[in-house]
Amino acid sequence: TSRKRVIGEYSAQAEPKKRIYGNIAAD
């Protein structure tokens, strides 16, 4: 899932490199 659109959409983070917190929640 790393940095993917699903993380960006549901975490409201447009910048892929800043999606770490959303990624950890998905993980």
PDB file of all heavy atoms in Angstrom:
ATOM      1  N   THR A   1       0.817  -1.216   0.000  1.00  0.00           N
ATOM      2  CA  THR A   1       0.000   0.000   0.000  1.00  0.00           C
ATOM      3  C   THR A   1       0.848   1.262   0.000  1.00  0.00           C
ATOM      4  O   THR A   1       0.321   2.363  -0.087  1.00  0.00           O
ATOM      5  CB  THR A   1      -0.901   0.071   1.249  1.00  0.00           C
ATOM      6  OG1 THR A   1      -0.081   0.147   2.409  1.00  0.00           O
ATOM      7  CG2 THR A   1      -1.814  -1.117   1.349  1.00  0.00           C
ATOM      8  N   SER A   2       2.156   1.124   0.103  1.00  0.00           N
ATOM      9  CA  SER A   2       3.030   2.247   0.422  1.00  0.00           C
ATOM     10  C   SER A   2       2.844   3.440  -0.511  1.00  0.00           C
ATOM     11  O   SER A   2       3.048   3.339  -1.725  1.00  0.00           O
ATOM     12  CB  SER A   2       4.488   1.785   0.390  1.00  0.00           C
ATOM     13  OG  SER A   2       5.340   2.789   0.896  1.00  0.00           O
ATOM     14  N   ARG A   3       2.419   4.574   0.069  1.00  0.00           N
ATOM     15  CA  ARG A   3       2.258   5.864  -0.618  1.00  0.00           C
ATOM     16  C   ARG A   3       1.185   5.866  -1.695  1.00  0.00           C
ATOM     17  O   ARG A   3       1.096   6.805  -2.489  1.00  0.00           O
ATOM     18  CB  ARG A   3       3.595   6.323  -1.213  1.00  0.00           C
ATOM     19  CG  ARG A   3       4.697   6.516  -0.193  1.00  0.00           C
ATOM     20  CD  ARG A   3       5.989   6.981  -0.847  1.00  0.00           C
ATOM     21  NE  ARG A   3       7.044   7.195   0.141  1.00  0.00           N
ATOM     22  CZ  ARG A   3       8.299   7.513  -0.161  1.00  0.00           C
ATOM     23  NH1 ARG A   3       8.651   7.663  -1.428  1.00  0.00           N
ATOM     24  NH2 ARG A   3       9.202   7.685   0.781  1.00  0.00           N
ATOM     25  N   LYS A   4       0.340   4.855  -1.762  1.00  0.00           N
ATOM     26  CA  LYS A   4      -0.604   4.739  -2.867  1.00  0.00           C
ATOM     27  C   LYS A   4      -1.814   5.653  -2.693  1.00  0.00           C
ATOM     28  O   LYS A   4      -2.056   6.238  -1.642  1.00  0.00           O
ATOM     29  CB  LYS A   4      -1.024   3.278  -3.044  1.00  0.00           C
ATOM     30  CG  LYS A   4       0.107   2.425  -3.613  1.00  0.00           C
ATOM     31  CD  LYS A   4      -0.333   1.015  -3.930  1.00  0.00           C
ATOM     32  CE  LYS A   4       0.826   0.231  -4.569  1.00  0.00           C
ATOM     33  NZ  LYS A   4       0.460  -1.182  -4.799  1.00  0.00           N
ATOM     34  N   ARG A   5      -2.609   5.741  -3.767  1.00  0.00           N
ATOM     35  CA  ARG A   5      -3.743   6.666  -3.799  1.00  0.00           C
ATOM     36  C   ARG A   5      -4.751   6.392  -2.695  1.00  0.00           C
ATOM     37  O   ARG A   5      -5.357   7.335  -2.170  1.00  0.00           O
ATOM     38  CB  ARG A   5      -4.422   6.589  -5.168  1.00  0.00           C
ATOM     39  CG  ARG A   5      -3.608   7.200  -6.299  1.00  0.00           C
ATOM     40  CD  ARG A   5      -4.317   7.057  -7.633  1.00  0.00           C
ATOM     41  NE  ARG A   5      -4.464   5.655  -7.996  1.00  0.00           N
ATOM     42  CZ  ARG A   5      -5.234   5.210  -8.992  1.00  0.00           C
ATOM     43  NH1 ARG A   5      -5.934   6.063  -9.715  1.00  0.00           N
ATOM     44  NH2 ARG A   5      -5.299   3.927  -9.279  1.00  0.00           N
ATOM     45  N   VAL A   6      -4.958   5.136  -2.342  1.00  0.00           N
ATOM     46  CA  VAL A   6      -5.919   4.830  -1.283  1.00  0.00           C
ATOM     47  C   VAL A   6      -5.509   5.480   0.033  1.00  0.00           C
ATOM     48  O   VAL A   6      -6.353   5.977   0.791  1.00  0.00           O
ATOM     49  CB  VAL A   6      -6.102   3.303  -1.120  1.00  0.00           C
ATOM     50  CG1 VAL A   6      -4.816   2.618  -0.679  1.00  0.00           C
ATOM     51  CG2 VAL A   6      -7.222   2.997  -0.127  1.00  0.00           C
ATOM     52  N   ILE A   7      -4.210   5.526   0.307  1.00  0.00           N
ATOM     53  CA  ILE A   7      -3.721   6.180   1.524  1.00  0.00           C
ATOM     54  C   ILE A   7      -3.922   7.685   1.414  1.00  0.00           C
ATOM     55  O   ILE A   7      -4.382   8.345   2.353  1.00  0.00           O
ATOM     56  CB  ILE A   7      -2.239   5.863   1.770  1.00  0.00           C
ATOM     57  CG1 ILE A   7      -1.994   4.341   1.769  1.00  0.00           C
ATOM     58  CG2 ILE A   7      -1.756   6.486   3.075  1.00  0.00           C
ATOM     59  CD1 ILE A   7      -2.702   3.588   2.853  1.00  0.00           C
ATOM     60  N   GLY A   8      -3.602   8.240   0.255  1.00  0.00           N
ATOM     61  CA  GLY A   8      -3.770   9.671   0.059  1.00  0.00           C
ATOM     62  C   GLY A   8      -5.214  10.111   0.199  1.00  0.00           C
ATOM     63  O   GLY A   8      -5.509  11.140   0.836  1.00  0.00           O
ATOM     64  N   GLU A   9      -6.133   9.327  -0.385  1.00  0.00           N
ATOM     65  CA  GLU A   9      -7.538   9.728  -0.360  1.00  0.00           C
ATOM     66  C   GLU A   9      -8.124   9.699   1.048  1.00  0.00           C
ATOM     67  O   GLU A   9      -8.773  10.654   1.486  1.00  0.00           O
ATOM     68  CB  GLU A   9      -8.360   8.820  -1.275  1.00  0.00           C
ATOM     69  CG  GLU A   9      -9.827   9.189  -1.311  1.00  0.00           C
ATOM     70  CD  GLU A   9     -10.575   8.519  -2.444  1.00  0.00           C
ATOM     71  OE1 GLU A   9      -9.956   8.280  -3.510  1.00  0.00           O
ATOM     72  OE2 GLU A   9     -11.772   8.254  -2.277  1.00  0.00           O
ATOM     73  N   TYR A  10      -7.888   8.602   1.769  1.00  0.00           N
ATOM     74  CA  TYR A  10      -8.554   8.460   3.064  1.00  0.00           C
ATOM     75  C   TYR A  10      -7.804   9.128   4.214  1.00  0.00           C
ATOM     76  O   TYR A  10      -8.374   9.314   5.290  1.00  0.00           O
ATOM     77  CB  TYR A  10      -8.809   6.981   3.357  1.00  0.00           C
ATOM     78  CG  TYR A  10      -9.872   6.398   2.456  1.00  0.00           C
ATOM     79  CD1 TYR A  10      -9.531   5.564   1.399  1.00  0.00           C
ATOM     80  CD2 TYR A  10     -11.209   6.722   2.634  1.00  0.00           C
ATOM     81  CE1 TYR A  10     -10.504   5.039   0.548  1.00  0.00           C
ATOM     82  CE2 TYR A  10     -12.187   6.214   1.784  1.00  0.00           C
ATOM     83  CZ  TYR A  10     -11.828   5.372   0.746  1.00  0.00           C
ATOM     84  OH  TYR A  10     -12.798   4.869  -0.103  1.00  0.00           O
ATOM     85  N   SER A  11      -6.557   9.483   3.992  1.00  0.00           N
ATOM     86  CA  SER A  11      -5.834  10.230   5.031  1.00  0.00           C
ATOM     87  C   SER A  11      -5.760  11.724   4.711  1.00  0.00           C
ATOM     88  O   SER A  11      -5.165  12.485   5.466  1.00  0.00           O
ATOM     89  CB  SER A  11      -4.405   9.677   5.186  1.00  0.00           C
ATOM     90  OG  SER A  11      -3.624   9.950   4.033  1.00  0.00           O
ATOM     91  N   ALA A  12      -6.341  12.106   3.574  1.00  0.00           N
ATOM     92  CA  ALA A  12      -6.351  13.515   3.137  1.00  0.00           C
ATOM     93  C   ALA A  12      -4.946  14.086   3.011  1.00  0.00           C
ATOM     94  O   ALA A  12      -4.677  15.215   3.394  1.00  0.00           O
ATOM     95  CB  ALA A  12      -7.187  14.377   4.097  1.00  0.00           C
ATOM     96  N   GLN A  13      -4.037  13.269   2.438  1.00  0.00           N
ATOM     97  CA  GLN A  13      -2.658  13.707   2.235  1.00  0.00           C
ATOM     98  C   GLN A  13      -2.315  13.561   0.750  1.00  0.00           C
ATOM     99  O   GLN A  13      -2.155  12.451   0.240  1.00  0.00           O
ATOM    100  CB  GLN A  13      -1.701  12.878   3.089  1.00  0.00           C
ATOM    101  CG  GLN A  13      -0.223  13.181   2.898  1.00  0.00           C
ATOM    102  CD  GLN A  13       0.106  14.657   2.978  1.00  0.00           C
ATOM    103  OE1 GLN A  13       0.304  15.324   1.966  1.00  0.00           O
ATOM    104  NE2 GLN A  13       0.161  15.185   4.205  1.00  0.00           N
ATOM    105  N   ALA A  14      -2.192  14.704   0.076  1.00  0.00           N
ATOM    106  CA  ALA A  14      -1.952  14.696  -1.367  1.00  0.00           C
ATOM    107  C   ALA A  14      -0.525  14.338  -1.735  1.00  0.00           C
ATOM    108  O   ALA A  14      -0.279  13.800  -2.819  1.00  0.00           O
ATOM    109  CB  ALA A  14      -2.307  16.062  -1.951  1.00  0.00           C
ATOM    110  N   GLU A  15       0.436  14.628  -0.868  1.00  0.00           N
ATOM    111  CA  GLU A  15       1.849  14.412  -1.171  1.00  0.00           C
ATOM    112  C   GLU A  15       2.250  12.976  -0.813  1.00  0.00           C
ATOM    113  O   GLU A  15       2.244  12.592   0.358  1.00  0.00           O
ATOM    114  CB  GLU A  15       2.709  15.396  -0.376  1.00  0.00           C
ATOM    115  CG  GLU A  15       4.204  15.154  -0.474  1.00  0.00           C
ATOM    116  CD  GLU A  15       4.701  15.103  -1.904  1.00  0.00           C
ATOM    117  OE1 GLU A  15       4.366  16.020  -2.676  1.00  0.00           O
ATOM    118  OE2 GLU A  15       5.409  14.133  -2.238  1.00  0.00           O
ATOM    119  N   PRO A  16       2.598  12.133  -1.816  1.00  0.00           N
ATOM    120  CA  PRO A  16       2.899  10.722  -1.528  1.00  0.00           C
ATOM    121  C   PRO A  16       3.960  10.496  -0.453  1.00  0.00           C
ATOM    122  O   PRO A  16       3.816   9.598   0.386  1.00  0.00           O
ATOM    123  CB  PRO A  16       3.360  10.173  -2.888  1.00  0.00           C
ATOM    124  CG  PRO A  16       2.633  11.018  -3.882  1.00  0.00           C
ATOM    125  CD  PRO A  16       2.605  12.394  -3.277  1.00  0.00           C
ATOM    126  N   LYS A  17       5.022  11.310  -0.454  1.00  0.00           N
ATOM    127  CA  LYS A  17       6.103  11.084   0.508  1.00  0.00           C
ATOM    128  C   LYS A  17       5.703  11.436   1.943  1.00  0.00           C
ATOM    129  O   LYS A  17       6.438  11.117   2.885  1.00  0.00           O
ATOM    130  CB  LYS A  17       7.344  11.874   0.102  1.00  0.00           C
ATOM    131  CG  LYS A  17       8.029  11.312  -1.139  1.00  0.00           C
ATOM    132  CD  LYS A  17       9.295  12.085  -1.469  1.00  0.00           C
ATOM    133  CE  LYS A  17       9.991  11.501  -2.693  1.00  0.00           C
ATOM    134  NZ  LYS A  17      11.226  12.241  -3.045  1.00  0.00           N
ATOM    135  N   LYS A  18       4.544  12.069   2.128  1.00  0.00           N
ATOM    136  CA  LYS A  18       4.096  12.447   3.465  1.00  0.00           C
ATOM    137  C   LYS A  18       2.984  11.534   3.989  1.00  0.00           C
ATOM    138  O   LYS A  18       2.318  11.868   4.965  1.00  0.00           O
ATOM    139  CB  LYS A  18       3.614  13.905   3.453  1.00  0.00           C
ATOM    140  CG  LYS A  18       4.714  14.909   3.162  1.00  0.00           C
ATOM    141  CD  LYS A  18       4.177  16.329   3.174  1.00  0.00           C
ATOM    142  CE  LYS A  18       5.293  17.330   2.877  1.00  0.00           C
ATOM    143  NZ  LYS A  18       4.767  18.734   2.871  1.00  0.00           N
ATOM    144  N   ARG A  19       2.804  10.376   3.356  1.00  0.00           N
ATOM    145  CA  ARG A  19       1.704   9.483   3.725  1.00  0.00           C
ATOM    146  C   ARG A  19       2.102   8.420   4.745  1.00  0.00           C
ATOM    147  O   ARG A  19       1.408   7.415   4.905  1.00  0.00           O
ATOM    148  CB  ARG A  19       1.137   8.826   2.471  1.00  0.00           C
ATOM    149  CG  ARG A  19       0.438   9.810   1.550  1.00  0.00           C
ATOM    150  CD  ARG A  19       0.019   9.182   0.221  1.00  0.00           C
ATOM    151  NE  ARG A  19      -0.585  10.202  -0.641  1.00  0.00           N
ATOM    152  CZ  ARG A  19      -0.839  10.017  -1.938  1.00  0.00           C
ATOM    153  NH1 ARG A  19      -0.543   8.868  -2.525  1.00  0.00           N
ATOM    154  NH2 ARG A  19      -1.401  10.992  -2.642  1.00  0.00           N
ATOM    155  N   ILE A  20       3.198   8.621   5.460  1.00  0.00           N
ATOM    156  CA  ILE A  20       3.724   7.599   6.352  1.00  0.00           C
ATOM    157  C   ILE A  20       2.731   7.221   7.452  1.00  0.00           C
ATOM    158  O   ILE A  20       2.565   6.047   7.784  1.00  0.00           O
ATOM    159  CB  ILE A  20       5.076   8.044   6.954  1.00  0.00           C
ATOM    160  CG1 ILE A  20       5.634   6.974   7.890  1.00  0.00           C
ATOM    161  CG2 ILE A  20       4.964   9.373   7.669  1.00  0.00           C
ATOM    162  CD1 ILE A  20       5.953   5.677   7.247  1.00  0.00           C
ATOM    163  N   TYR A  21       2.031   8.208   8.037  1.00  0.00           N
ATOM    164  CA  TYR A  21       1.120   7.909   9.141  1.00  0.00           C
ATOM    165  C   TYR A  21      -0.099   7.135   8.645  1.00  0.00           C
ATOM    166  O   TYR A  21      -0.563   6.191   9.298  1.00  0.00           O
ATOM    167  CB  TYR A  21       0.704   9.200   9.854  1.00  0.00           C
ATOM    168  CG  TYR A  21       1.888   9.996  10.345  1.00  0.00           C
ATOM    169  CD1 TYR A  21       2.188  11.237   9.791  1.00  0.00           C
ATOM    170  CD2 TYR A  21       2.734   9.487  11.334  1.00  0.00           C
ATOM    171  CE1 TYR A  21       3.294  11.962  10.218  1.00  0.00           C
ATOM    172  CE2 TYR A  21       3.836  10.205  11.761  1.00  0.00           C
ATOM    173  CZ  TYR A  21       4.107  11.443  11.204  1.00  0.00           C
ATOM    174  OH  TYR A  21       5.202  12.154  11.627  1.00  0.00           O
ATOM    175  N   GLY A  22      -0.609   7.526   7.494  1.00  0.00           N
ATOM    176  CA  GLY A  22      -1.706   6.771   6.897  1.00  0.00           C
ATOM    177  C   GLY A  22      -1.278   5.363   6.550  1.00  0.00           C
ATOM    178  O   GLY A  22      -2.049   4.398   6.722  1.00  0.00           O
ATOM    179  N   ASN A  23      -0.054   5.229   6.067  1.00  0.00           N
ATOM    180  CA  ASN A  23       0.461   3.901   5.748  1.00  0.00           C
ATOM    181  C   ASN A  23       0.544   3.010   6.969  1.00  0.00           C
ATOM    182  O   ASN A  23       0.174   1.831   6.932  1.00  0.00           O
ATOM    183  CB  ASN A  23       1.844   4.011   5.102  1.00  0.00           C
ATOM    184  CG  ASN A  23       1.785   3.873   3.598  1.00  0.00           C
ATOM    185  OD1 ASN A  23       2.243   4.744   2.877  1.00  0.00           O
ATOM    186  ND2 ASN A  23       1.182   2.795   3.105  1.00  0.00           N
ATOM    187  N   ILE A  24       1.042   3.550   8.070  1.00  0.00           N
ATOM    188  CA  ILE A  24       1.172   2.736   9.280  1.00  0.00           C
ATOM    189  C   ILE A  24      -0.200   2.298   9.785  1.00  0.00           C
ATOM    190  O   ILE A  24      -0.372   1.174  10.271  1.00  0.00           O
ATOM    191  CB  ILE A  24       1.971   3.491  10.356  1.00  0.00           C
ATOM    192  CG1 ILE A  24       3.449   3.581   9.930  1.00  0.00           C
ATOM    193  CG2 ILE A  24       1.856   2.807  11.718  1.00  0.00           C
ATOM    194  CD1 ILE A  24       4.322   4.422  10.834  1.00  0.00           C
ATOM    195  N   ALA A  25      -1.208   3.169   9.647  1.00  0.00           N
ATOM    196  CA  ALA A  25      -2.564   2.773  10.036  1.00  0.00           C
ATOM    197  C   ALA A  25      -3.052   1.606   9.172  1.00  0.00           C
ATOM    198  O   ALA A  25      -3.623   0.625   9.686  1.00  0.00           O
ATOM    199  CB  ALA A  25      -3.513   3.964   9.912  1.00  0.00           C
ATOM    200  N   ALA A  26      -2.806   1.685   7.864  1.00  0.00           N
ATOM    201  CA  ALA A  26      -3.197   0.588   6.969  1.00  0.00           C
ATOM    202  C   ALA A  26      -2.416  -0.680   7.293  1.00  0.00           C
ATOM    203  O   ALA A  26      -2.978  -1.786   7.309  1.00  0.00           O
ATOM    204  CB  ALA A  26      -2.968   1.006   5.518  1.00  0.00           C
ATOM    205  N   ASP A  27      -1.112  -0.531   7.555  1.00  0.00           N
ATOM    206  CA  ASP A  27      -0.291  -1.685   7.920  1.00  0.00           C
ATOM    207  C   ASP A  27      -0.818  -2.358   9.181  1.00  0.00           C
ATOM    208  O   ASP A  27      -0.819  -3.595   9.287  1.00  0.00           O
ATOM    209  CB  ASP A  27       1.158  -1.255   8.162  1.00  0.00           C
ATOM    210  CG  ASP A  27       1.859  -0.743   6.919  1.00  0.00           C
ATOM    211  OD1 ASP A  27       1.403  -1.069   5.807  1.00  0.00           O
ATOM    212  OD2 ASP A  27       2.856  -0.013   7.059  1.00  0.00           O
TER     213      ASP A  27
END
